[in-house]
């Protein structure tokens, strides 16, 4: 009986380590899948002004160049 308990205890740390490694791999795969999906879906341009822009102003190529 004592031998069986020792075997179970020696397996437990291995199971914990393997399960943590599997969880880390799954997390990395899901993170990469999300990053790929969002990079393909959400592409756009953002402009930041250095001066106040009046409401209703149409932003054109000339306006973007600082005129």
N, C-alpha and C. Protein backbone atom coordinates (compact mmCIF):
# COMPACT_ATOMS: atom_id res chain seq x y z
N UNK A 1 0.81 -1.19 0.00
CA UNK A 1 0.00 0.00 0.00
C UNK A 1 0.86 1.26 0.00
N UNK A 2 1.95 1.25 0.74
CA UNK A 2 2.80 2.43 0.79
C UNK A 2 3.42 2.70 -0.59
N UNK A 3 3.70 1.66 -1.31
CA UNK A 3 4.30 1.81 -2.64
C UNK A 3 3.31 2.49 -3.60
N UNK A 4 2.04 2.15 -3.52
CA UNK A 4 1.02 2.76 -4.38
C UNK A 4 0.88 4.25 -4.09
N UNK A 5 0.93 4.66 -2.85
CA UNK A 5 0.82 6.07 -2.51
C UNK A 5 2.01 6.86 -3.05
N UNK A 6 3.20 6.29 -2.98
CA UNK A 6 4.38 6.97 -3.49
C UNK A 6 4.28 7.17 -4.99
N UNK A 7 3.77 6.19 -5.70
CA UNK A 7 3.63 6.30 -7.15
C UNK A 7 2.63 7.39 -7.52
N UNK A 8 1.53 7.47 -6.81
CA UNK A 8 0.52 8.50 -7.09
C UNK A 8 1.09 9.89 -6.82
N UNK A 9 1.86 10.05 -5.78
CA UNK A 9 2.44 11.34 -5.46
C UNK A 9 3.49 11.74 -6.49
N UNK A 10 4.22 10.81 -7.00
CA UNK A 10 5.25 11.14 -7.98
C UNK A 10 4.65 11.49 -9.33
N UNK A 11 3.48 11.01 -9.62
CA UNK A 11 2.81 11.32 -10.88
C UNK A 11 2.17 12.71 -10.82
N UNK A 12 1.68 13.11 -9.68
CA UNK A 12 0.96 14.37 -9.53
C UNK A 12 1.76 15.60 -9.97
N UNK A 13 3.00 15.79 -9.57
CA UNK A 13 3.75 16.96 -10.06
C UNK A 13 3.92 16.97 -11.58
N UNK A 14 4.11 15.81 -12.17
CA UNK A 14 4.23 15.72 -13.63
C UNK A 14 2.95 16.12 -14.32
N UNK A 15 1.83 15.70 -13.77
CA UNK A 15 0.53 16.04 -14.35
C UNK A 15 0.29 17.54 -14.25
N UNK A 16 0.67 18.13 -13.13
CA UNK A 16 0.48 19.57 -12.96
C UNK A 16 1.35 20.35 -13.94
N UNK A 17 2.59 19.95 -14.10
CA UNK A 17 3.49 20.63 -15.03
C UNK A 17 3.00 20.51 -16.47
N UNK A 18 2.59 19.33 -16.86
CA UNK A 18 2.09 19.12 -18.22
C UNK A 18 0.81 19.92 -18.45
N UNK A 19 -0.08 19.96 -17.47
CA UNK A 19 -1.33 20.71 -17.65
C UNK A 19 -1.05 22.21 -17.76
N UNK A 20 -0.08 22.73 -17.01
CA UNK A 20 0.28 24.14 -17.13
C UNK A 20 0.89 24.44 -18.50
N UNK A 21 1.72 23.55 -18.99
CA UNK A 21 2.30 23.73 -20.32
C UNK A 21 1.22 23.70 -21.41
N UNK A 22 0.28 22.79 -21.28
CA UNK A 22 -0.81 22.70 -22.25
C UNK A 22 -1.66 23.97 -22.20
N UNK A 23 -1.93 24.46 -21.01
CA UNK A 23 -2.71 25.70 -20.87
C UNK A 23 -1.97 26.87 -21.50
N UNK A 24 -0.66 26.95 -21.33
CA UNK A 24 0.13 28.03 -21.92
C UNK A 24 0.11 27.95 -23.44
N UNK A 25 0.20 26.76 -23.98
CA UNK A 25 0.17 26.59 -25.44
C UNK A 25 -1.20 26.98 -25.99
N UNK A 26 -2.26 26.55 -25.34
CA UNK A 26 -3.62 26.90 -25.77
C UNK A 26 -3.82 28.41 -25.72
N UNK A 27 -3.34 29.04 -24.66
CA UNK A 27 -3.44 30.49 -24.53
C UNK A 27 -2.70 31.19 -25.67
N UNK A 28 -1.49 30.74 -25.98
CA UNK A 28 -0.71 31.36 -27.05
C UNK A 28 -1.38 31.18 -28.40
N UNK A 29 -1.94 30.02 -28.66
CA UNK A 29 -2.62 29.76 -29.93
C UNK A 29 -3.85 30.65 -30.06
N UNK A 30 -4.65 30.76 -29.01
CA UNK A 30 -5.84 31.60 -29.06
C UNK A 30 -5.49 33.08 -29.18
N UNK A 31 -4.44 33.50 -28.53
CA UNK A 31 -3.99 34.89 -28.63
C UNK A 31 -3.55 35.21 -30.05
N UNK A 32 -2.83 34.29 -30.67
CA UNK A 32 -2.38 34.48 -32.04
C UNK A 32 -3.57 34.48 -33.01
N UNK A 33 -4.54 33.61 -32.79
CA UNK A 33 -5.72 33.56 -33.65
C UNK A 33 -6.51 34.85 -33.54
N UNK A 34 -6.65 35.39 -32.34
CA UNK A 34 -7.37 36.64 -32.15
C UNK A 34 -6.63 37.79 -32.83
N UNK A 35 -5.33 37.83 -32.68
CA UNK A 35 -4.52 38.88 -33.29
C UNK A 35 -4.64 38.85 -34.81
N UNK A 36 -4.59 37.66 -35.38
CA UNK A 36 -4.71 37.51 -36.83
C UNK A 36 -6.10 37.94 -37.31
N UNK A 37 -7.12 37.53 -36.59
CA UNK A 37 -8.49 37.86 -36.99
C UNK A 37 -8.73 39.37 -36.91
N UNK A 38 -8.24 40.01 -35.87
CA UNK A 38 -8.47 41.44 -35.71
C UNK A 38 -7.63 42.26 -36.67
N UNK A 39 -6.44 41.81 -36.98
CA UNK A 39 -5.60 42.59 -37.89
C UNK A 39 -6.17 42.59 -39.30
N UNK A 40 -6.83 41.52 -39.69
CA UNK A 40 -7.45 41.47 -41.01
C UNK A 40 -8.76 42.25 -41.04
N UNK A 41 -9.44 42.35 -39.91
CA UNK A 41 -10.77 42.93 -39.87
C UNK A 41 -10.75 44.43 -39.61
N UNK A 42 -9.93 44.88 -38.70
CA UNK A 42 -9.97 46.27 -38.25
C UNK A 42 -8.78 47.07 -38.76
N UNK A 43 -8.79 47.42 -40.01
CA UNK A 43 -7.74 48.27 -40.56
C UNK A 43 -8.35 49.61 -40.89
N UNK A 44 -7.65 50.67 -40.52
CA UNK A 44 -8.15 52.01 -40.79
C UNK A 44 -7.08 53.03 -40.50
N UNK A 45 -7.38 54.26 -40.81
CA UNK A 45 -6.44 55.35 -40.56
C UNK A 45 -6.99 56.26 -39.48
N UNK A 46 -6.09 56.77 -38.68
CA UNK A 46 -6.46 57.70 -37.62
C UNK A 46 -5.58 58.93 -37.77
N UNK A 47 -6.21 60.09 -37.72
CA UNK A 47 -5.48 61.35 -37.82
C UNK A 47 -5.66 62.12 -36.53
N UNK A 48 -4.58 62.72 -36.06
CA UNK A 48 -4.60 63.51 -34.84
C UNK A 48 -4.24 64.93 -35.22
N UNK A 49 -5.03 65.88 -34.76
CA UNK A 49 -4.77 67.28 -35.11
C UNK A 49 -3.94 67.96 -34.03
N UNK A 50 -3.20 68.96 -34.48
CA UNK A 50 -2.43 69.77 -33.53
C UNK A 50 -3.14 71.07 -33.22
N UNK A 51 -4.15 71.39 -34.03
CA UNK A 51 -4.95 72.60 -33.84
C UNK A 51 -6.42 72.20 -33.75
N UNK A 52 -7.23 73.01 -33.09
CA UNK A 52 -8.67 72.70 -33.04
C UNK A 52 -9.28 72.74 -34.44
N UNK A 53 -10.16 71.79 -34.71
CA UNK A 53 -10.85 71.73 -35.99
C UNK A 53 -12.30 72.09 -35.75
N UNK A 54 -12.80 73.08 -36.48
CA UNK A 54 -14.21 73.47 -36.30
C UNK A 54 -15.16 72.32 -36.64
N UNK A 55 -16.25 72.28 -35.95
CA UNK A 55 -17.25 71.23 -36.18
C UNK A 55 -17.76 71.32 -37.61
N UNK A 56 -17.89 70.17 -38.26
CA UNK A 56 -18.41 70.11 -39.62
C UNK A 56 -17.34 70.30 -40.69
N UNK A 57 -16.09 70.45 -40.32
CA UNK A 57 -15.01 70.63 -41.29
C UNK A 57 -14.75 69.33 -42.03
N UNK A 58 -14.67 69.40 -43.34
CA UNK A 58 -14.37 68.23 -44.15
C UNK A 58 -12.86 68.09 -44.24
N UNK A 59 -12.35 66.94 -43.83
CA UNK A 59 -10.91 66.70 -43.87
C UNK A 59 -10.55 66.20 -45.26
N UNK A 60 -9.75 66.99 -45.98
CA UNK A 60 -9.30 66.63 -47.33
C UNK A 60 -7.79 66.42 -47.32
N UNK A 61 -7.25 66.02 -48.47
CA UNK A 61 -5.81 65.82 -48.59
C UNK A 61 -5.07 67.12 -48.33
N UNK A 62 -5.60 68.23 -48.78
CA UNK A 62 -4.96 69.53 -48.54
C UNK A 62 -4.94 69.87 -47.06
N UNK A 63 -6.01 69.59 -46.38
CA UNK A 63 -6.11 69.88 -44.96
C UNK A 63 -5.12 69.03 -44.16
N UNK A 64 -4.93 67.76 -44.58
CA UNK A 64 -4.03 66.86 -43.89
C UNK A 64 -2.57 67.33 -44.00
N UNK A 65 -2.24 68.01 -45.06
CA UNK A 65 -0.85 68.45 -45.28
C UNK A 65 -0.53 69.72 -44.49
N UNK A 66 -1.45 70.28 -43.78
CA UNK A 66 -1.17 71.41 -42.92
C UNK A 66 -1.56 72.75 -43.50
N UNK A 67 -2.39 72.77 -44.48
CA UNK A 67 -2.83 74.05 -45.07
C UNK A 67 -3.95 74.64 -44.28
